[in-house]
């Protein structure tokens, strides 16, 4: 069985984790311009990841494997929560409110870790099994942009 989806999307999770850690370091150092750049990079990377899942991976998986619809709905709901946290983070950084930004980053970090655990342990392997012919093409789209 191919593991293209699991491998590629998990690697992208790790890349996003590194961007989150960089934002945390910039914020802890009190580097406002650096924090703004780091959080913008994090938001862009997460949005790219979420969009590919929501517009390509999840619909294709749901089409061939109806059992996946409920877990997909949960993942999309968590994406919405993370997008709201990113908006809060942007506001806190723009206002130079370090305490609010740190609190938001901590909450985001916790949610991302729980979310990734579910995707990597359940949804991605399910997708690799259900989409053997499409997995590599979907995975390639994540790394193209």
N, C-alpha and C. Protein backbone atom coordinates (compact mmCIF):
# COMPACT_ATOMS: atom_id res chain seq x y z
N UNK A 1 0.84 -1.19 0.00
CA UNK A 1 0.00 0.00 0.00
C UNK A 1 0.88 1.25 0.00
N UNK A 2 0.49 2.21 -0.79
CA UNK A 2 1.21 3.48 -0.86
C UNK A 2 0.97 4.28 0.42
N UNK A 3 1.95 5.05 0.79
CA UNK A 3 1.79 5.94 1.95
C UNK A 3 2.10 7.38 1.55
N UNK A 4 1.88 7.69 0.27
CA UNK A 4 2.22 9.03 -0.24
C UNK A 4 1.50 10.14 0.51
N UNK A 5 0.22 9.94 0.78
CA UNK A 5 -0.55 10.97 1.48
C UNK A 5 -0.03 11.11 2.91
N UNK A 6 0.07 10.00 3.62
CA UNK A 6 0.55 10.05 5.01
C UNK A 6 1.93 10.69 5.09
N UNK A 7 2.84 10.24 4.25
CA UNK A 7 4.21 10.75 4.31
C UNK A 7 4.29 12.24 3.98
N UNK A 8 3.65 12.64 2.91
CA UNK A 8 3.76 14.03 2.45
C UNK A 8 3.02 15.00 3.37
N UNK A 9 1.81 14.65 3.76
CA UNK A 9 1.05 15.55 4.62
C UNK A 9 1.64 15.61 6.02
N UNK A 10 2.19 14.50 6.51
CA UNK A 10 2.86 14.51 7.81
C UNK A 10 4.12 15.38 7.76
N UNK A 11 4.87 15.28 6.67
CA UNK A 11 6.06 16.14 6.53
C UNK A 11 5.65 17.61 6.52
N UNK A 12 4.53 17.91 5.90
CA UNK A 12 4.06 19.29 5.90
C UNK A 12 3.62 19.72 7.30
N UNK A 13 3.05 18.82 8.07
CA UNK A 13 2.75 19.13 9.48
C UNK A 13 4.02 19.52 10.21
N UNK A 14 5.10 18.77 9.99
CA UNK A 14 6.37 19.07 10.66
C UNK A 14 6.90 20.45 10.23
N UNK A 15 6.74 20.76 8.95
CA UNK A 15 7.18 22.07 8.46
C UNK A 15 6.37 23.18 9.15
N UNK A 16 5.07 22.99 9.28
CA UNK A 16 4.23 23.98 9.97
C UNK A 16 4.61 24.08 11.45
N UNK A 17 4.94 22.94 12.07
CA UNK A 17 5.37 22.95 13.47
C UNK A 17 6.64 23.79 13.63
N UNK A 18 7.55 23.69 12.67
CA UNK A 18 8.78 24.48 12.72
C UNK A 18 8.48 25.98 12.58
N UNK A 19 7.52 26.31 11.74
CA UNK A 19 7.12 27.72 11.58
C UNK A 19 6.46 28.24 12.86
N UNK A 20 5.67 27.40 13.52
CA UNK A 20 5.06 27.78 14.79
C UNK A 20 6.14 28.01 15.85
N UNK A 21 7.12 27.13 15.91
CA UNK A 21 8.21 27.29 16.88
C UNK A 21 9.00 28.57 16.60
N UNK A 22 9.20 28.89 15.32
CA UNK A 22 9.92 30.13 14.97
C UNK A 22 9.13 31.35 15.43
N UNK A 23 7.81 31.32 15.26
CA UNK A 23 6.97 32.44 15.71
C UNK A 23 7.04 32.57 17.23
N UNK A 24 7.03 31.45 17.93
CA UNK A 24 7.13 31.47 19.39
C UNK A 24 8.47 32.07 19.83
N UNK A 25 9.55 31.69 19.14
CA UNK A 25 10.87 32.23 19.49
C UNK A 25 10.94 33.74 19.25
N UNK A 26 10.43 34.19 18.10
CA UNK A 26 10.45 35.63 17.79
C UNK A 26 9.64 36.41 18.82
N UNK A 27 8.50 35.87 19.17
CA UNK A 27 7.64 36.56 20.13
C UNK A 27 8.29 36.61 21.51
N UNK A 28 8.87 35.49 21.94
CA UNK A 28 9.53 35.45 23.24
C UNK A 28 10.71 36.41 23.30
N UNK A 29 11.37 36.62 22.17
CA UNK A 29 12.50 37.54 22.10
C UNK A 29 12.06 39.00 22.02
N UNK A 30 10.76 39.23 21.86
CA UNK A 30 10.26 40.60 21.76
C UNK A 30 10.53 41.25 20.42
N UNK A 31 10.78 40.46 19.42
CA UNK A 31 11.06 40.96 18.07
C UNK A 31 9.75 41.14 17.32
N UNK A 32 9.18 42.35 17.39
CA UNK A 32 7.88 42.60 16.77
C UNK A 32 7.88 42.42 15.25
N UNK A 33 8.84 43.01 14.52
CA UNK A 33 8.83 42.78 13.07
C UNK A 33 9.04 41.29 12.73
N UNK A 34 9.94 40.65 13.43
CA UNK A 34 10.20 39.23 13.20
C UNK A 34 9.00 38.37 13.54
N UNK A 35 8.28 38.73 14.59
CA UNK A 35 7.08 38.00 14.97
C UNK A 35 6.01 38.14 13.89
N UNK A 36 5.85 39.34 13.37
CA UNK A 36 4.87 39.56 12.31
C UNK A 36 5.16 38.72 11.08
N UNK A 37 6.43 38.69 10.68
CA UNK A 37 6.83 37.89 9.52
C UNK A 37 6.64 36.39 9.80
N UNK A 38 7.03 35.97 10.98
CA UNK A 38 6.93 34.55 11.33
C UNK A 38 5.47 34.09 11.40
N UNK A 39 4.62 34.91 12.00
CA UNK A 39 3.21 34.52 12.11
C UNK A 39 2.53 34.56 10.74
N UNK A 40 2.93 35.49 9.88
CA UNK A 40 2.37 35.53 8.52
C UNK A 40 2.80 34.28 7.74
N UNK A 41 4.05 33.86 7.90
CA UNK A 41 4.52 32.65 7.25
C UNK A 41 3.78 31.42 7.75
N UNK A 42 3.56 31.36 9.05
CA UNK A 42 2.80 30.25 9.65
C UNK A 42 1.38 30.23 9.11
N UNK A 43 0.73 31.38 9.10
CA UNK A 43 -0.66 31.45 8.62
C UNK A 43 -0.76 31.03 7.16
N UNK A 44 0.18 31.46 6.34
CA UNK A 44 0.17 31.09 4.93
C UNK A 44 0.37 29.59 4.73
N UNK A 45 1.29 29.02 5.48
CA UNK A 45 1.55 27.58 5.36
C UNK A 45 0.35 26.76 5.81
N UNK A 46 -0.26 27.15 6.93
CA UNK A 46 -1.43 26.43 7.42
C UNK A 46 -2.60 26.56 6.44
N UNK A 47 -2.81 27.75 5.92
CA UNK A 47 -3.92 27.96 4.99
C UNK A 47 -3.73 27.11 3.73
N UNK A 48 -2.52 27.04 3.23
CA UNK A 48 -2.24 26.20 2.05
C UNK A 48 -2.57 24.74 2.36
N UNK A 49 -2.14 24.27 3.50
CA UNK A 49 -2.38 22.89 3.92
C UNK A 49 -3.88 22.63 4.07
N UNK A 50 -4.57 23.51 4.79
CA UNK A 50 -6.01 23.33 5.01
C UNK A 50 -6.77 23.34 3.69
N UNK A 51 -6.42 24.26 2.81
CA UNK A 51 -7.13 24.39 1.53
C UNK A 51 -6.98 23.13 0.69
N UNK A 52 -5.79 22.58 0.62
CA UNK A 52 -5.61 21.37 -0.17
C UNK A 52 -6.40 20.21 0.43
N UNK A 53 -6.42 20.13 1.75
CA UNK A 53 -7.22 19.07 2.38
C UNK A 53 -8.71 19.28 2.07
N UNK A 54 -9.19 20.49 2.29
CA UNK A 54 -10.63 20.76 2.16
C UNK A 54 -11.13 20.73 0.72
N UNK A 55 -10.29 21.13 -0.23
CA UNK A 55 -10.75 21.22 -1.61
C UNK A 55 -10.39 19.99 -2.45
N UNK A 56 -9.43 19.20 -2.00
CA UNK A 56 -9.00 18.06 -2.81
C UNK A 56 -9.06 16.75 -2.03
N UNK A 57 -8.23 16.62 -1.00
CA UNK A 57 -8.11 15.35 -0.29
C UNK A 57 -9.43 14.91 0.33
N UNK A 58 -10.04 15.76 1.14
CA UNK A 58 -11.25 15.35 1.85
C UNK A 58 -12.41 15.03 0.91
N UNK A 59 -12.69 15.86 -0.10
CA UNK A 59 -13.79 15.51 -1.01
C UNK A 59 -13.55 14.18 -1.75
N UNK A 60 -12.32 13.96 -2.20
CA UNK A 60 -12.04 12.71 -2.90
C UNK A 60 -12.17 11.51 -1.97
N UNK A 61 -11.71 11.65 -0.76
CA UNK A 61 -11.82 10.56 0.22
C UNK A 61 -13.29 10.29 0.54
N UNK A 62 -14.06 11.32 0.79
CA UNK A 62 -15.48 11.14 1.13
C UNK A 62 -16.26 10.50 -0.02
N UNK A 63 -15.84 10.77 -1.23
CA UNK A 63 -16.52 10.23 -2.40
C UNK A 63 -16.37 8.71 -2.50
N UNK A 64 -15.22 8.19 -2.12
CA UNK A 64 -14.99 6.75 -2.25
C UNK A 64 -15.12 5.98 -0.94
N UNK A 65 -15.18 6.70 0.17
CA UNK A 65 -15.20 6.04 1.48
C UNK A 65 -16.11 6.83 2.41
N UNK A 66 -17.40 6.54 2.35
CA UNK A 66 -18.41 7.31 3.10
C UNK A 66 -18.15 7.36 4.60
N UNK A 67 -17.53 6.34 5.14
CA UNK A 67 -17.24 6.30 6.59
C UNK A 67 -16.36 7.48 7.01
N UNK A 68 -15.64 8.05 6.07
CA UNK A 68 -14.73 9.15 6.38
C UNK A 68 -15.45 10.49 6.56
N UNK A 69 -16.72 10.56 6.21
CA UNK A 69 -17.41 11.85 6.26
C UNK A 69 -17.42 12.48 7.65
N UNK A 70 -17.66 11.70 8.70
CA UNK A 70 -17.70 12.26 10.05
C UNK A 70 -16.32 12.75 10.50
N UNK A 71 -15.26 11.93 10.37
CA UNK A 71 -13.93 12.46 10.74
C UNK A 71 -13.54 13.69 9.92
N UNK A 72 -13.91 13.72 8.65
CA UNK A 72 -13.61 14.88 7.82
C UNK A 72 -14.32 16.12 8.36
N UNK A 73 -15.56 15.96 8.75
CA UNK A 73 -16.32 17.09 9.31
C UNK A 73 -15.64 17.63 10.57
N UNK A 74 -15.14 16.74 11.40
CA UNK A 74 -14.42 17.15 12.62
C UNK A 74 -13.15 17.93 12.23
N UNK A 75 -12.40 17.41 11.26
CA UNK A 75 -11.15 18.08 10.85
C UNK A 75 -11.43 19.47 10.28
N UNK A 76 -12.46 19.60 9.47
CA UNK A 76 -12.81 20.91 8.90
C UNK A 76 -13.23 21.88 10.01
N UNK A 77 -13.94 21.39 11.00
CA UNK A 77 -14.31 22.22 12.14
C UNK A 77 -13.09 22.70 12.91
N UNK A 78 -12.10 21.83 13.05
CA UNK A 78 -10.87 22.22 13.72
C UNK A 78 -10.08 23.22 12.88
N UNK A 79 -10.12 23.06 11.56
CA UNK A 79 -9.48 24.07 10.69
C UNK A 79 -10.10 25.44 10.96
N UNK A 80 -11.41 25.49 11.09
CA UNK A 80 -12.09 26.78 11.35
C UNK A 80 -11.63 27.36 12.69
N UNK A 81 -11.48 26.51 13.70
CA UNK A 81 -10.99 26.98 15.00
C UNK A 81 -9.58 27.55 14.87
N UNK A 82 -8.73 26.87 14.12
CA UNK A 82 -7.35 27.33 13.96
C UNK A 82 -7.29 28.63 13.15
N UNK A 83 -8.15 28.76 12.16
CA UNK A 83 -8.20 30.01 11.39
C UNK A 83 -8.61 31.17 12.30
N UNK A 84 -9.56 30.93 13.20
CA UNK A 84 -9.98 31.98 14.13
C UNK A 84 -8.83 32.34 15.07
N UNK A 85 -8.09 31.35 15.53
CA UNK A 85 -6.94 31.62 16.39
C UNK A 85 -5.86 32.40 15.63
N UNK A 86 -5.66 32.08 14.38
CA UNK A 86 -4.69 32.83 13.57
C UNK A 86 -5.11 34.28 13.40
N UNK A 87 -6.40 34.52 13.26
CA UNK A 87 -6.90 35.90 13.17
C UNK A 87 -6.66 36.63 14.50
N UNK A 88 -6.92 35.94 15.62
CA UNK A 88 -6.65 36.53 16.94
C UNK A 88 -5.16 36.82 17.11
N UNK A 89 -4.33 35.90 16.63
CA UNK A 89 -2.88 36.07 16.72
C UNK A 89 -2.45 37.29 15.92
N UNK A 90 -2.97 37.43 14.72
CA UNK A 90 -2.64 38.58 13.87
C UNK A 90 -3.00 39.88 14.59
N UNK A 91 -4.17 39.93 15.19
CA UNK A 91 -4.59 41.13 15.92
C UNK A 91 -3.67 41.42 17.10
N UNK A 92 -3.33 40.38 17.86
CA UNK A 92 -2.47 40.57 19.03
C UNK A 92 -1.08 41.04 18.61
N UNK A 93 -0.54 40.48 17.54
CA UNK A 93 0.78 40.89 17.06
C UNK A 93 0.72 42.33 16.55
N UNK A 94 -0.32 42.66 15.81
CA UNK A 94 -0.46 44.03 15.29
C UNK A 94 -0.57 45.04 16.43
N UNK A 95 -1.22 44.63 17.52
CA UNK A 95 -1.37 45.51 18.68
C UNK A 95 -0.15 45.46 19.60
N UNK A 96 0.82 44.63 19.25
CA UNK A 96 2.04 44.42 20.06
C UNK A 96 1.71 43.97 21.48
N UNK A 97 0.67 43.14 21.57
CA UNK A 97 0.24 42.59 22.85
C UNK A 97 0.88 41.21 23.01
N UNK A 98 2.08 41.21 23.59
CA UNK A 98 2.86 39.99 23.70
C UNK A 98 2.15 38.92 24.51
N UNK A 99 1.51 39.29 25.60
CA UNK A 99 0.84 38.30 26.45
C UNK A 99 -0.30 37.62 25.69
N UNK A 100 -1.10 38.42 25.01
CA UNK A 100 -2.21 37.85 24.23
C UNK A 100 -1.69 36.97 23.11
N UNK A 101 -0.65 37.42 22.43
CA UNK A 101 -0.08 36.64 21.33
C UNK A 101 0.49 35.32 21.84
N UNK A 102 1.20 35.35 22.97
CA UNK A 102 1.75 34.11 23.53
C UNK A 102 0.64 33.15 23.92
N UNK A 103 -0.41 33.66 24.55
CA UNK A 103 -1.54 32.81 24.94
C UNK A 103 -2.21 32.19 23.72
N UNK A 104 -2.38 32.98 22.69
CA UNK A 104 -3.00 32.47 21.47
C UNK A 104 -2.12 31.42 20.80
N UNK A 105 -0.81 31.68 20.76
CA UNK A 105 0.12 30.69 20.18
C UNK A 105 0.10 29.38 20.97
N UNK A 106 0.03 29.48 22.28
CA UNK A 106 -0.02 28.26 23.10
C UNK A 106 -1.28 27.46 22.80
N UNK A 107 -2.42 28.15 22.70
CA UNK A 107 -3.67 27.47 22.39
C UNK A 107 -3.62 26.85 20.99
N UNK A 108 -3.10 27.61 20.04
CA UNK A 108 -2.96 27.12 18.67
C UNK A 108 -2.05 25.89 18.63
N UNK A 109 -0.94 25.96 19.34
CA UNK A 109 0.01 24.84 19.39
C UNK A 109 -0.68 23.58 19.91
N UNK A 110 -1.42 23.70 20.98
CA UNK A 110 -2.13 22.56 21.57
C UNK A 110 -3.14 21.98 20.58
N UNK A 111 -3.93 22.84 19.97
CA UNK A 111 -4.94 22.38 19.01
C UNK A 111 -4.30 21.70 17.81
N UNK A 112 -3.22 22.28 17.30
CA UNK A 112 -2.53 21.69 16.15
C UNK A 112 -2.00 20.30 16.49
N UNK A 113 -1.42 20.14 17.67
CA UNK A 113 -0.87 18.84 18.04
C UNK A 113 -1.97 17.77 18.09
N UNK A 114 -3.10 18.10 18.70
CA UNK A 114 -4.21 17.15 18.76
C UNK A 114 -4.76 16.85 17.37
N UNK A 115 -4.89 17.87 16.56
CA UNK A 115 -5.41 17.74 15.21
C UNK A 115 -4.50 16.86 14.36
N UNK A 116 -3.21 17.13 14.40
CA UNK A 116 -2.25 16.36 13.61
C UNK A 116 -2.23 14.89 14.01
N UNK A 117 -2.35 14.65 15.29
CA UNK A 117 -2.36 13.27 15.78
C UNK A 117 -3.51 12.49 15.14
N UNK A 118 -4.67 13.10 15.05
CA UNK A 118 -5.84 12.43 14.46
C UNK A 118 -5.66 12.24 12.95
N UNK A 119 -5.17 13.26 12.29
CA UNK A 119 -4.99 13.13 10.84
C UNK A 119 -3.93 12.09 10.51
N UNK A 120 -2.80 12.16 11.20
CA UNK A 120 -1.69 11.26 10.90
C UNK A 120 -1.98 9.81 11.29
N UNK A 121 -2.75 9.62 12.35
CA UNK A 121 -3.04 8.28 12.83
C UNK A 121 -4.26 7.63 12.22
N UNK A 122 -5.19 8.44 11.73
CA UNK A 122 -6.45 7.89 11.25
C UNK A 122 -6.74 8.29 9.80
N UNK A 123 -6.87 9.58 9.58
CA UNK A 123 -7.37 10.05 8.29
C UNK A 123 -6.41 9.82 7.13
N UNK A 124 -5.13 10.13 7.30
CA UNK A 124 -4.19 9.96 6.20
C UNK A 124 -4.01 8.48 5.82
N UNK A 125 -3.83 7.58 6.80
CA UNK A 125 -3.75 6.16 6.41
C UNK A 125 -5.04 5.68 5.72
N UNK A 126 -6.19 6.18 6.18
CA UNK A 126 -7.46 5.85 5.54
C UNK A 126 -7.45 6.32 4.09
N UNK A 127 -6.95 7.53 3.86
CA UNK A 127 -6.89 8.08 2.51
C UNK A 127 -5.92 7.29 1.64
N UNK A 128 -4.78 6.91 2.19
CA UNK A 128 -3.83 6.10 1.41
C UNK A 128 -4.46 4.79 0.97
N UNK A 129 -5.25 4.17 1.85
CA UNK A 129 -5.91 2.91 1.50
C UNK A 129 -7.05 3.08 0.52
N UNK A 130 -7.79 4.17 0.64
CA UNK A 130 -8.97 4.38 -0.20
C UNK A 130 -8.66 5.03 -1.54
N UNK A 131 -7.53 5.71 -1.63
CA UNK A 131 -7.17 6.44 -2.86
C UNK A 131 -5.82 6.00 -3.41
N UNK A 132 -5.62 4.71 -3.62
CA UNK A 132 -4.29 4.26 -4.03
C UNK A 132 -3.82 4.84 -5.36
N UNK A 133 -4.73 5.04 -6.29
CA UNK A 133 -4.33 5.57 -7.61
C UNK A 133 -4.14 7.07 -7.59
N UNK A 134 -4.77 7.78 -6.67
CA UNK A 134 -4.74 9.24 -6.63
C UNK A 134 -3.80 9.79 -5.57
N UNK A 135 -3.37 8.97 -4.63
CA UNK A 135 -2.59 9.45 -3.50
C UNK A 135 -1.36 10.24 -3.86
N UNK A 136 -0.57 9.72 -4.77
CA UNK A 136 0.67 10.40 -5.15
C UNK A 136 0.39 11.75 -5.81
N UNK A 137 -0.64 11.81 -6.65
CA UNK A 137 -0.97 13.07 -7.32
C UNK A 137 -1.46 14.11 -6.31
N UNK A 138 -2.26 13.69 -5.35
CA UNK A 138 -2.74 14.61 -4.32
C UNK A 138 -1.56 15.10 -3.48
N UNK A 139 -0.68 14.18 -3.09
CA UNK A 139 0.48 14.54 -2.28
C UNK A 139 1.38 15.51 -3.02
N UNK A 140 1.55 15.30 -4.31
CA UNK A 140 2.41 16.18 -5.11
C UNK A 140 1.87 17.61 -5.12
N UNK A 141 0.56 17.77 -5.12
CA UNK A 141 -0.03 19.11 -5.13
C UNK A 141 0.35 19.90 -3.88
N UNK A 142 0.56 19.21 -2.77
CA UNK A 142 0.93 19.89 -1.53
C UNK A 142 2.31 20.53 -1.64
N UNK A 143 3.19 19.88 -2.35
CA UNK A 143 4.57 20.37 -2.43
C UNK A 143 4.85 21.23 -3.67
N UNK A 144 3.89 21.33 -4.58
CA UNK A 144 4.09 22.10 -5.81
C UNK A 144 4.15 23.60 -5.57
N UNK A 145 3.29 24.11 -4.73
CA UNK A 145 3.16 25.56 -4.55
C UNK A 145 4.24 26.17 -3.70
